[in-house]
Amino acid sequence: MSTRMVITTKINGEPIEFLADSRDSLLEALRERIGLRGAKEGCNNGNCGACAVILNGRLTNSCCVMAAEVEGAEITTIEGIASPEALHPIQQAFLEEAALQCGICTPGFIVATKALLDENPHPTEDEARFWLAGNLCRCTGYDKIIRAVLKSADEMAK
């Protein structure tokens, strides 16, 4: 039996309250209850990274967290990365380096890159590859993605 509960949290810097079923994952709550559809459902078991968010400063697969667990938390989704005026340098680098195709994995890679650069603003190629190992892409090939990560690190350092 499921029950409904009110969850109060902060998403992309804005306080929000939403009604969630006790069985909702954070991914389901973001997409179906709140209307933020940037995080994608890929595997729904934490293996692909398509649903990545930053939860209380940590990269997290939202499909592996229950919505009830985010009471009082701070969450950044792909929708919170860019400003209304311009793309974030990470997003711009992904475009310039053609590090996307179908788009299913792209939000997760961008969120993971943001989490990486928040923690390590100057990663080596090996560090970037290690950090992004939890994100899977079946279209573009990882070299373009890694080039975009390193380019965005350089741009953000300027």
C-alpha atoms as a PDB file:
ATOM      1  CA  MET A   1       0.000   0.000   0.000  1.00  0.00           C
ATOM      2  CA  SER A   2       1.337   3.407  -0.892  1.00  0.00           C
ATOM      3  CA  THR A   3       0.659   6.700   0.770  1.00  0.00           C
ATOM      4  CA  ARG A   4       1.018  10.236  -0.439  1.00  0.00           C
ATOM      5  CA  MET A   5       3.300  12.690   1.305  1.00  0.00           C
ATOM      6  CA  VAL A   6       4.289  16.320   0.931  1.00  0.00           C
ATOM      7  CA  ILE A   7       7.983  16.774   0.259  1.00  0.00           C
ATOM      8  CA  THR A   8       9.646  20.139   0.847  1.00  0.00           C
ATOM      9  CA  THR A   9      12.992  20.627  -0.834  1.00  0.00           C
ATOM     10  CA  LYS A  10      15.034  23.057  -2.907  1.00  0.00           C
ATOM     11  CA  ILE A  11      15.442  22.315  -6.605  1.00  0.00           C
ATOM     12  CA  ASN A  12      17.726  24.428  -8.767  1.00  0.00           C
ATOM     13  CA  GLY A  13      17.908  27.033  -6.026  1.00  0.00           C
ATOM     14  CA  GLU A  14      14.129  27.387  -5.624  1.00  0.00           C
ATOM     15  CA  PRO A  15      12.139  26.095  -2.659  1.00  0.00           C
ATOM     16  CA  ILE A  16       9.443  23.676  -3.744  1.00  0.00           C
ATOM     17  CA  GLU A  17       6.768  21.488  -2.222  1.00  0.00           C
ATOM     18  CA  PHE A  18       5.355  18.558  -4.101  1.00  0.00           C
ATOM     19  CA  LEU A  19       3.086  15.634  -3.446  1.00  0.00           C
ATOM     20  CA  ALA A  20       4.731  12.249  -3.927  1.00  0.00           C
ATOM     21  CA  ASP A  21       3.648   8.666  -3.620  1.00  0.00           C
ATOM     22  CA  SER A  22       5.668   6.742  -1.030  1.00  0.00           C
ATOM     23  CA  ARG A  23       6.892   4.454  -3.838  1.00  0.00           C
ATOM     24  CA  ASP A  24       8.086   7.281  -6.129  1.00  0.00           C
ATOM     25  CA  SER A  25      11.759   7.473  -6.937  1.00  0.00           C
ATOM     26  CA  LEU A  26      13.287  10.924  -7.127  1.00  0.00           C
ATOM     27  CA  LEU A  27      13.444  10.446 -10.908  1.00  0.00           C
ATOM     28  CA  GLU A  28       9.699   9.745 -11.069  1.00  0.00           C
ATOM     29  CA  ALA A  29       8.953  12.714  -8.825  1.00  0.00           C
ATOM     30  CA  LEU A  30      11.095  15.062 -10.907  1.00  0.00           C
ATOM     31  CA  ARG A  31       9.569  13.958 -14.200  1.00  0.00           C
ATOM     32  CA  GLU A  32       5.954  13.161 -13.303  1.00  0.00           C
ATOM     33  CA  ARG A  33       5.139  15.238 -10.217  1.00  0.00           C
ATOM     34  CA  ILE A  34       7.271  18.362 -10.747  1.00  0.00           C
ATOM     35  CA  GLY A  35       7.511  18.435 -14.558  1.00  0.00           C
ATOM     36  CA  LEU A  36      11.313  18.565 -14.822  1.00  0.00           C
ATOM     37  CA  ARG A  37      11.903  16.074 -17.604  1.00  0.00           C
ATOM     38  CA  GLY A  38      15.599  16.677 -18.247  1.00  0.00           C
ATOM     39  CA  ALA A  39      16.746  13.682 -16.204  1.00  0.00           C
ATOM     40  CA  LYS A  40      16.071  10.609 -18.320  1.00  0.00           C
ATOM     41  CA  GLU A  41      15.130   7.071 -17.395  1.00  0.00           C
ATOM     42  CA  GLY A  42      17.673   4.809 -18.998  1.00  0.00           C
ATOM     43  CA  CYS A  43      18.214   1.658 -16.981  1.00  0.00           C
ATOM     44  CA  ASN A  44      16.235   2.528 -13.813  1.00  0.00           C
ATOM     45  CA  ASN A  45      18.784   0.656 -11.687  1.00  0.00           C
ATOM     46  CA  GLY A  46      21.686   3.092 -11.331  1.00  0.00           C
ATOM     47  CA  ASN A  47      23.932   1.762 -14.095  1.00  0.00           C
ATOM     48  CA  CYS A  48      23.641   4.312 -16.911  1.00  0.00           C
ATOM     49  CA  GLY A  49      23.749   7.799 -15.356  1.00  0.00           C
ATOM     50  CA  ALA A  50      21.017   9.243 -17.597  1.00  0.00           C
ATOM     51  CA  CYS A  51      19.077  10.369 -14.521  1.00  0.00           C
ATOM     52  CA  ALA A  52      22.004  12.044 -12.727  1.00  0.00           C
ATOM     53  CA  VAL A  53      21.343  14.969 -10.407  1.00  0.00           C
ATOM     54  CA  ILE A  54      23.445  16.710  -7.790  1.00  0.00           C
ATOM     55  CA  LEU A  55      21.891  15.942  -4.408  1.00  0.00           C
ATOM     56  CA  ASN A  56      23.322  17.871  -1.470  1.00  0.00           C
ATOM     57  CA  GLY A  57      26.521  18.414  -3.435  1.00  0.00           C
ATOM     58  CA  ARG A  58      26.969  14.792  -4.529  1.00  0.00           C
ATOM     59  CA  LEU A  59      26.437  13.245  -7.925  1.00  0.00           C
ATOM     60  CA  THR A  60      23.477  10.880  -7.557  1.00  0.00           C
ATOM     61  CA  ASN A  61      21.426   8.648  -9.815  1.00  0.00           C
ATOM     62  CA  SER A  62      17.905   9.870  -9.125  1.00  0.00           C
ATOM     63  CA  CYS A  63      16.397   6.484 -10.004  1.00  0.00           C
ATOM     64  CA  CYS A  64      18.096   5.011  -6.910  1.00  0.00           C
ATOM     65  CA  VAL A  65      16.762   7.553  -4.402  1.00  0.00           C
ATOM     66  CA  MET A  66      13.240   7.572  -3.044  1.00  0.00           C
ATOM     67  CA  ALA A  67      11.448  10.914  -3.299  1.00  0.00           C
ATOM     68  CA  ALA A  68      10.754  10.777   0.438  1.00  0.00           C
ATOM     69  CA  GLU A  69      14.504  10.834   1.090  1.00  0.00           C
ATOM     70  CA  VAL A  70      14.940  14.342  -0.359  1.00  0.00           C
ATOM     71  CA  GLU A  71      12.960  16.130   2.339  1.00  0.00           C
ATOM     72  CA  GLY A  72      14.978  19.277   3.101  1.00  0.00           C
ATOM     73  CA  ALA A  73      17.619  18.474   0.471  1.00  0.00           C
ATOM     74  CA  GLU A  74      19.163  20.664  -2.209  1.00  0.00           C
ATOM     75  CA  ILE A  75      18.955  19.254  -5.720  1.00  0.00           C
ATOM     76  CA  THR A  76      20.440  20.492  -8.984  1.00  0.00           C
ATOM     77  CA  THR A  77      19.032  19.047 -12.187  1.00  0.00           C
ATOM     78  CA  ILE A  78      20.044  19.673 -15.779  1.00  0.00           C
ATOM     79  CA  GLU A  79      17.414  22.440 -15.871  1.00  0.00           C
ATOM     80  CA  GLY A  80      19.374  24.308 -13.183  1.00  0.00           C
ATOM     81  CA  ILE A  81      22.742  24.269 -14.949  1.00  0.00           C
ATOM     82  CA  ALA A  82      22.241  27.036 -17.539  1.00  0.00           C
ATOM     83  CA  SER A  83      21.088  30.564 -16.869  1.00  0.00           C
ATOM     84  CA  PRO A  84      18.116  32.047 -18.742  1.00  0.00           C
ATOM     85  CA  GLU A  85      20.570  34.235 -20.675  1.00  0.00           C
ATOM     86  CA  ALA A  86      23.055  31.655 -21.926  1.00  0.00           C
ATOM     87  CA  LEU A  87      24.180  28.076 -21.936  1.00  0.00           C
ATOM     88  CA  HIS A  88      26.566  26.983 -19.214  1.00  0.00           C
ATOM     89  CA  PRO A  89      30.153  26.569 -20.515  1.00  0.00           C
ATOM     90  CA  ILE A  90      29.750  22.797 -20.111  1.00  0.00           C
ATOM     91  CA  GLN A  91      26.688  22.785 -22.358  1.00  0.00           C
ATOM     92  CA  GLN A  92      28.433  25.041 -24.869  1.00  0.00           C
ATOM     93  CA  ALA A  93      31.458  22.726 -24.973  1.00  0.00           C
ATOM     94  CA  PHE A  94      29.213  19.691 -25.529  1.00  0.00           C
ATOM     95  CA  LEU A  95      27.669  21.481 -28.523  1.00  0.00           C
ATOM     96  CA  GLU A  96      30.983  22.658 -29.945  1.00  0.00           C
ATOM     97  CA  GLU A  97      32.623  19.244 -29.574  1.00  0.00           C
ATOM     98  CA  ALA A  98      29.585  17.371 -30.985  1.00  0.00           C
ATOM     99  CA  ALA A  99      29.470  15.352 -27.765  1.00  0.00           C
ATOM    100  CA  LEU A 100      25.806  14.433 -28.174  1.00  0.00           C
ATOM    101  CA  GLN A 101      23.539  12.668 -30.588  1.00  0.00           C
ATOM    102  CA  CYS A 102      20.264  11.156 -29.447  1.00  0.00           C
ATOM    103  CA  GLY A 103      20.223  13.141 -26.196  1.00  0.00           C
ATOM    104  CA  ILE A 104      19.214  10.412 -23.749  1.00  0.00           C
ATOM    105  CA  CYS A 105      22.550  10.388 -21.930  1.00  0.00           C
ATOM    106  CA  THR A 106      23.476  14.045 -22.455  1.00  0.00           C
ATOM    107  CA  PRO A 107      21.769  15.558 -19.380  1.00  0.00           C
ATOM    108  CA  GLY A 108      23.422  12.973 -17.140  1.00  0.00           C
ATOM    109  CA  PHE A 109      26.847  13.600 -18.660  1.00  0.00           C
ATOM    110  CA  ILE A 110      26.452  17.365 -18.259  1.00  0.00           C
ATOM    111  CA  VAL A 111      25.313  17.064 -14.640  1.00  0.00           C
ATOM    112  CA  ALA A 112      28.160  14.615 -13.921  1.00  0.00           C
ATOM    113  CA  THR A 113      30.624  17.020 -15.540  1.00  0.00           C
ATOM    114  CA  LYS A 114      29.299  19.868 -13.397  1.00  0.00           C
ATOM    115  CA  ALA A 115      29.755  17.745 -10.269  1.00  0.00           C
ATOM    116  CA  LEU A 116      33.285  16.828 -11.381  1.00  0.00           C
ATOM    117  CA  LEU A 117      34.314  20.417 -12.085  1.00  0.00           C
ATOM    118  CA  ASP A 118      32.772  21.607  -8.815  1.00  0.00           C
ATOM    119  CA  GLU A 119      35.038  19.150  -7.020  1.00  0.00           C
ATOM    120  CA  ASN A 120      38.062  19.226  -9.341  1.00  0.00           C
ATOM    121  CA  PRO A 121      38.205  22.283 -11.633  1.00  0.00           C
ATOM    122  CA  HIS A 122      41.267  20.999 -13.535  1.00  0.00           C
ATOM    123  CA  PRO A 123      40.831  17.254 -14.111  1.00  0.00           C
ATOM    124  CA  THR A 124      43.221  15.229 -16.208  1.00  0.00           C
ATOM    125  CA  GLU A 125      41.824  13.125 -19.018  1.00  0.00           C
ATOM    126  CA  ASP A 126      42.167  10.017 -16.839  1.00  0.00           C
ATOM    127  CA  GLU A 127      40.359  11.708 -13.939  1.00  0.00           C
ATOM    128  CA  ALA A 128      37.514  12.793 -16.245  1.00  0.00           C
ATOM    129  CA  ARG A 129      37.189   9.285 -17.700  1.00  0.00           C
ATOM    130  CA  PHE A 130      37.153   7.754 -14.212  1.00  0.00           C
ATOM    131  CA  TRP A 131      34.554  10.246 -12.936  1.00  0.00           C
ATOM    132  CA  LEU A 132      32.245   9.673 -15.917  1.00  0.00           C
ATOM    133  CA  ALA A 133      32.558   5.882 -15.824  1.00  0.00           C
ATOM    134  CA  GLY A 134      29.036   5.659 -14.381  1.00  0.00           C
ATOM    135  CA  ASN A 135      27.531   7.302 -17.477  1.00  0.00           C
ATOM    136  CA  LEU A 136      26.824   5.281 -20.586  1.00  0.00           C
ATOM    137  CA  CYS A 137      26.435   6.527 -24.155  1.00  0.00           C
ATOM    138  CA  ARG A 138      25.514   4.323 -27.062  1.00  0.00           C
ATOM    139  CA  CYS A 139      25.760   6.934 -29.826  1.00  0.00           C
ATOM    140  CA  THR A 140      28.638   9.418 -29.808  1.00  0.00           C
ATOM    141  CA  GLY A 141      31.722   7.724 -28.498  1.00  0.00           C
ATOM    142  CA  TYR A 142      33.423   8.863 -25.378  1.00  0.00           C
ATOM    143  CA  ASP A 143      36.320  10.768 -26.927  1.00  0.00           C
ATOM    144  CA  LYS A 144      34.068  13.665 -27.944  1.00  0.00           C
ATOM    145  CA  ILE A 145      32.519  13.734 -24.476  1.00  0.00           C
ATOM    146  CA  ILE A 146      35.914  13.787 -22.765  1.00  0.00           C
ATOM    147  CA  ARG A 147      37.095  16.559 -25.118  1.00  0.00           C
ATOM    148  CA  ALA A 148      33.987  18.552 -24.138  1.00  0.00           C
ATOM    149  CA  VAL A 149      34.653  18.005 -20.420  1.00  0.00           C
ATOM    150  CA  LEU A 150      38.269  19.158 -20.697  1.00  0.00           C
ATOM    151  CA  LYS A 151      37.316  22.112 -22.911  1.00  0.00           C
ATOM    152  CA  SER A 152      34.651  23.238 -20.464  1.00  0.00           C
ATOM    153  CA  ALA A 153      37.176  22.998 -17.604  1.00  0.00           C
ATOM    154  CA  ASP A 154      39.535  25.245 -19.573  1.00  0.00           C
ATOM    155  CA  GLU A 155      36.746  27.717 -20.383  1.00  0.00           C
ATOM    156  CA  MET A 156      35.535  27.867 -16.783  1.00  0.00           C
ATOM    157  CA  ALA A 157      39.099  28.475 -15.555  1.00  0.00           C
ATOM    158  CA  LYS A 158      39.382  31.650 -17.694  1.00  0.00           C
END
